[in-house]
Amino acid sequence: MVTVLYRQRHGYDVRIYTKDHPPAHAHVWKGDKNLQINLMTFEVSDIRGYNSREIRQIRKLVADNNVLLLDVWKALHETGN
């Protein structure tokens, strides 16, 4: 697991797991809350504990850092790591 964005806006950690499956996605944690977000479509899944306002904040955070997040995903998954 790589924490790409640590304690970003509103305290979110954005992580990409090294041994994860396609499609390109990240896991967003804050305390015991977490969700997965697709890095291409910004669709969320496996939502645990977040409300709709927080989900909007997370989508914006991921959209604002999308190039970085996709670069990290590709580096971790397209090289066979």
N, C-alpha and C. Protein backbone atom coordinates (compact mmCIF):
# COMPACT_ATOMS: atom_id res chain seq x y z
N MET A 1 0.84 -1.17 0.00
CA MET A 1 0.00 0.00 0.00
C MET A 1 0.89 1.23 0.00
N VAL A 2 0.47 2.20 -0.80
CA VAL A 2 1.17 3.48 -0.86
C VAL A 2 0.16 4.57 -0.53
N THR A 3 0.48 5.38 0.46
CA THR A 3 -0.35 6.54 0.76
C THR A 3 0.14 7.66 -0.14
N VAL A 4 -0.63 7.99 -1.16
CA VAL A 4 -0.23 8.99 -2.15
C VAL A 4 -0.50 10.39 -1.64
N LEU A 5 -1.64 10.58 -1.03
CA LEU A 5 -1.99 11.88 -0.44
C LEU A 5 -2.28 11.65 1.03
N TYR A 6 -1.51 12.30 1.89
CA TYR A 6 -1.61 12.09 3.33
C TYR A 6 -2.24 13.30 3.99
N ARG A 7 -3.32 13.06 4.73
CA ARG A 7 -4.01 14.11 5.50
C ARG A 7 -4.28 15.35 4.65
N GLN A 8 -4.85 15.11 3.48
CA GLN A 8 -5.19 16.19 2.57
C GLN A 8 -6.43 16.91 3.07
N ARG A 9 -6.99 17.75 2.21
CA ARG A 9 -8.19 18.50 2.57
C ARG A 9 -9.12 17.69 3.44
N HIS A 10 -9.51 18.25 4.53
CA HIS A 10 -10.47 17.63 5.44
C HIS A 10 -9.93 16.35 6.09
N GLY A 11 -8.62 16.10 6.01
CA GLY A 11 -8.02 14.97 6.70
C GLY A 11 -8.07 13.64 5.99
N TYR A 12 -8.30 13.63 4.69
CA TYR A 12 -8.39 12.37 3.95
C TYR A 12 -7.01 11.84 3.57
N ASP A 13 -6.84 10.53 3.70
CA ASP A 13 -5.68 9.82 3.17
C ASP A 13 -6.13 9.09 1.92
N VAL A 14 -5.37 9.24 0.83
CA VAL A 14 -5.70 8.56 -0.41
C VAL A 14 -4.60 7.53 -0.66
N ARG A 15 -5.01 6.27 -0.71
CA ARG A 15 -4.07 5.15 -0.81
C ARG A 15 -4.33 4.34 -2.07
N ILE A 16 -3.24 3.80 -2.60
CA ILE A 16 -3.33 2.84 -3.70
C ILE A 16 -2.61 1.59 -3.24
N TYR A 17 -3.30 0.47 -3.32
CA TYR A 17 -2.73 -0.80 -2.87
C TYR A 17 -1.90 -1.42 -3.98
N THR A 18 -0.74 -1.93 -3.62
CA THR A 18 0.19 -2.47 -4.61
C THR A 18 -0.32 -3.76 -5.24
N LYS A 19 -1.03 -4.57 -4.52
CA LYS A 19 -1.52 -5.85 -5.04
C LYS A 19 -3.03 -5.78 -5.26
N ASP A 20 -3.47 -4.76 -5.99
CA ASP A 20 -4.91 -4.55 -6.18
C ASP A 20 -5.30 -4.88 -7.61
N HIS A 21 -6.57 -4.84 -7.89
CA HIS A 21 -7.15 -5.26 -9.16
C HIS A 21 -7.59 -4.05 -9.98
N PRO A 22 -7.68 -4.21 -11.31
CA PRO A 22 -8.27 -3.15 -12.13
C PRO A 22 -9.77 -3.07 -11.86
N PRO A 23 -10.39 -1.99 -12.23
CA PRO A 23 -9.86 -0.80 -12.88
C PRO A 23 -9.08 0.07 -11.90
N ALA A 24 -8.38 1.05 -12.44
CA ALA A 24 -7.58 1.96 -11.61
C ALA A 24 -8.48 2.64 -10.58
N HIS A 25 -8.12 2.48 -9.32
CA HIS A 25 -8.93 3.08 -8.26
C HIS A 25 -8.04 3.35 -7.05
N ALA A 26 -8.57 4.14 -6.14
CA ALA A 26 -7.88 4.45 -4.89
C ALA A 26 -8.83 4.20 -3.74
N HIS A 27 -8.26 4.07 -2.56
CA HIS A 27 -9.01 3.90 -1.33
C HIS A 27 -8.82 5.18 -0.53
N VAL A 28 -9.91 5.73 -0.03
CA VAL A 28 -9.84 6.99 0.72
C VAL A 28 -10.28 6.70 2.15
N TRP A 29 -9.40 7.03 3.08
CA TRP A 29 -9.62 6.76 4.50
C TRP A 29 -9.64 8.06 5.30
N LYS A 30 -10.45 8.06 6.32
CA LYS A 30 -10.42 9.10 7.36
C LYS A 30 -10.93 8.42 8.61
N GLY A 31 -10.03 8.16 9.54
CA GLY A 31 -10.41 7.39 10.72
C GLY A 31 -10.86 6.00 10.31
N ASP A 32 -12.04 5.60 10.73
CA ASP A 32 -12.54 4.27 10.35
C ASP A 32 -13.47 4.33 9.13
N LYS A 33 -13.61 5.51 8.52
CA LYS A 33 -14.40 5.65 7.29
C LYS A 33 -13.51 5.31 6.09
N ASN A 34 -14.10 4.67 5.08
CA ASN A 34 -13.34 4.42 3.86
C ASN A 34 -14.27 4.19 2.69
N LEU A 35 -13.71 4.33 1.51
CA LEU A 35 -14.41 4.04 0.27
C LEU A 35 -13.39 3.80 -0.82
N GLN A 36 -13.88 3.27 -1.94
CA GLN A 36 -13.06 3.14 -3.14
C GLN A 36 -13.58 4.13 -4.16
N ILE A 37 -12.67 4.71 -4.95
CA ILE A 37 -13.08 5.62 -6.00
C ILE A 37 -12.33 5.29 -7.28
N ASN A 38 -13.07 5.15 -8.36
CA ASN A 38 -12.50 4.86 -9.67
C ASN A 38 -11.77 6.11 -10.15
N LEU A 39 -10.53 5.94 -10.59
CA LEU A 39 -9.72 7.09 -10.99
C LEU A 39 -10.05 7.60 -12.38
N MET A 40 -10.87 6.88 -13.13
CA MET A 40 -11.27 7.33 -14.46
C MET A 40 -12.66 7.97 -14.46
N THR A 41 -13.58 7.40 -13.71
CA THR A 41 -14.97 7.86 -13.73
C THR A 41 -15.39 8.61 -12.47
N PHE A 42 -14.59 8.49 -11.41
CA PHE A 42 -14.87 9.08 -10.09
C PHE A 42 -16.09 8.46 -9.42
N GLU A 43 -16.51 7.29 -9.91
CA GLU A 43 -17.59 6.56 -9.24
C GLU A 43 -17.05 5.99 -7.94
N VAL A 44 -17.87 6.00 -6.90
CA VAL A 44 -17.46 5.47 -5.61
C VAL A 44 -18.17 4.15 -5.34
N SER A 45 -17.51 3.30 -4.56
CA SER A 45 -18.08 2.02 -4.17
C SER A 45 -17.56 1.66 -2.79
N ASP A 46 -18.13 0.64 -2.22
CA ASP A 46 -17.72 0.16 -0.89
C ASP A 46 -17.64 1.30 0.12
N ILE A 47 -18.67 2.12 0.15
CA ILE A 47 -18.69 3.30 1.02
C ILE A 47 -18.99 2.85 2.45
N ARG A 48 -18.11 3.23 3.36
CA ARG A 48 -18.29 2.89 4.77
C ARG A 48 -18.13 4.14 5.61
N GLY A 49 -19.27 4.73 5.99
CA GLY A 49 -19.27 5.81 6.96
C GLY A 49 -19.33 7.23 6.42
N TYR A 50 -19.10 7.44 5.13
CA TYR A 50 -19.11 8.80 4.59
C TYR A 50 -20.52 9.25 4.24
N ASN A 51 -20.78 10.54 4.42
CA ASN A 51 -22.05 11.12 3.98
C ASN A 51 -21.87 11.75 2.60
N SER A 52 -22.94 12.24 2.02
CA SER A 52 -22.90 12.76 0.65
C SER A 52 -22.00 13.98 0.52
N ARG A 53 -21.94 14.82 1.54
CA ARG A 53 -21.05 15.99 1.49
C ARG A 53 -19.59 15.56 1.43
N GLU A 54 -19.24 14.58 2.26
CA GLU A 54 -17.86 14.08 2.27
C GLU A 54 -17.51 13.41 0.95
N ILE A 55 -18.45 12.71 0.37
CA ILE A 55 -18.20 12.07 -0.93
C ILE A 55 -17.93 13.11 -2.00
N ARG A 56 -18.65 14.22 -1.99
CA ARG A 56 -18.38 15.32 -2.93
C ARG A 56 -16.97 15.88 -2.71
N GLN A 57 -16.57 16.04 -1.45
CA GLN A 57 -15.22 16.53 -1.14
C GLN A 57 -14.16 15.57 -1.66
N ILE A 58 -14.40 14.30 -1.48
CA ILE A 58 -13.45 13.28 -1.93
C ILE A 58 -13.34 13.27 -3.45
N ARG A 59 -14.48 13.34 -4.14
CA ARG A 59 -14.44 13.38 -5.61
C ARG A 59 -13.62 14.57 -6.10
N LYS A 60 -13.80 15.73 -5.46
CA LYS A 60 -13.02 16.92 -5.85
C LYS A 60 -11.55 16.72 -5.57
N LEU A 61 -11.21 16.18 -4.42
CA LEU A 61 -9.82 15.92 -4.08
C LEU A 61 -9.17 14.99 -5.10
N VAL A 62 -9.86 13.92 -5.46
CA VAL A 62 -9.32 12.96 -6.43
C VAL A 62 -9.23 13.59 -7.81
N ALA A 63 -10.23 14.35 -8.22
CA ALA A 63 -10.19 15.02 -9.52
C ALA A 63 -9.03 16.02 -9.58
N ASP A 64 -8.81 16.77 -8.51
CA ASP A 64 -7.74 17.76 -8.48
C ASP A 64 -6.35 17.12 -8.53
N ASN A 65 -6.24 15.87 -8.10
CA ASN A 65 -4.95 15.17 -8.05
C ASN A 65 -4.92 13.96 -8.97
N ASN A 66 -5.79 13.97 -9.98
CA ASN A 66 -5.98 12.79 -10.81
C ASN A 66 -4.74 12.36 -11.58
N VAL A 67 -3.98 13.30 -12.13
CA VAL A 67 -2.79 12.95 -12.89
C VAL A 67 -1.80 12.21 -11.99
N LEU A 68 -1.54 12.73 -10.82
CA LEU A 68 -0.64 12.09 -9.87
C LEU A 68 -1.14 10.69 -9.50
N LEU A 69 -2.41 10.57 -9.18
CA LEU A 69 -2.95 9.28 -8.75
C LEU A 69 -2.88 8.25 -9.88
N LEU A 70 -3.20 8.65 -11.09
CA LEU A 70 -3.09 7.71 -12.22
C LEU A 70 -1.65 7.33 -12.49
N ASP A 71 -0.73 8.27 -12.35
CA ASP A 71 0.70 7.96 -12.54
C ASP A 71 1.17 6.93 -11.51
N VAL A 72 0.75 7.09 -10.27
CA VAL A 72 1.14 6.13 -9.23
C VAL A 72 0.50 4.77 -9.51
N TRP A 73 -0.78 4.75 -9.89
CA TRP A 73 -1.44 3.48 -10.22
C TRP A 73 -0.65 2.76 -11.32
N LYS A 74 -0.34 3.48 -12.39
CA LYS A 74 0.39 2.88 -13.50
C LYS A 74 1.75 2.38 -13.08
N ALA A 75 2.47 3.15 -12.29
CA ALA A 75 3.79 2.74 -11.83
C ALA A 75 3.72 1.45 -11.00
N LEU A 76 2.70 1.31 -10.19
CA LEU A 76 2.56 0.15 -9.34
C LEU A 76 2.03 -1.07 -10.05
N HIS A 77 1.18 -0.88 -11.05
CA HIS A 77 0.46 -2.01 -11.63
C HIS A 77 0.88 -2.37 -13.05
N GLU A 78 1.41 -1.44 -13.80
CA GLU A 78 1.78 -1.75 -15.17
C GLU A 78 3.22 -2.23 -15.30
N THR A 79 3.96 -2.20 -14.19
CA THR A 79 5.33 -2.69 -14.22
C THR A 79 5.44 -4.08 -13.58
N GLY A 80 4.29 -4.61 -13.15
CA GLY A 80 4.29 -5.94 -12.55
C GLY A 80 4.61 -5.96 -11.08
N ASN A 81 4.66 -4.80 -10.43
CA ASN A 81 4.96 -4.75 -8.98
C ASN A 81 3.80 -5.24 -8.18
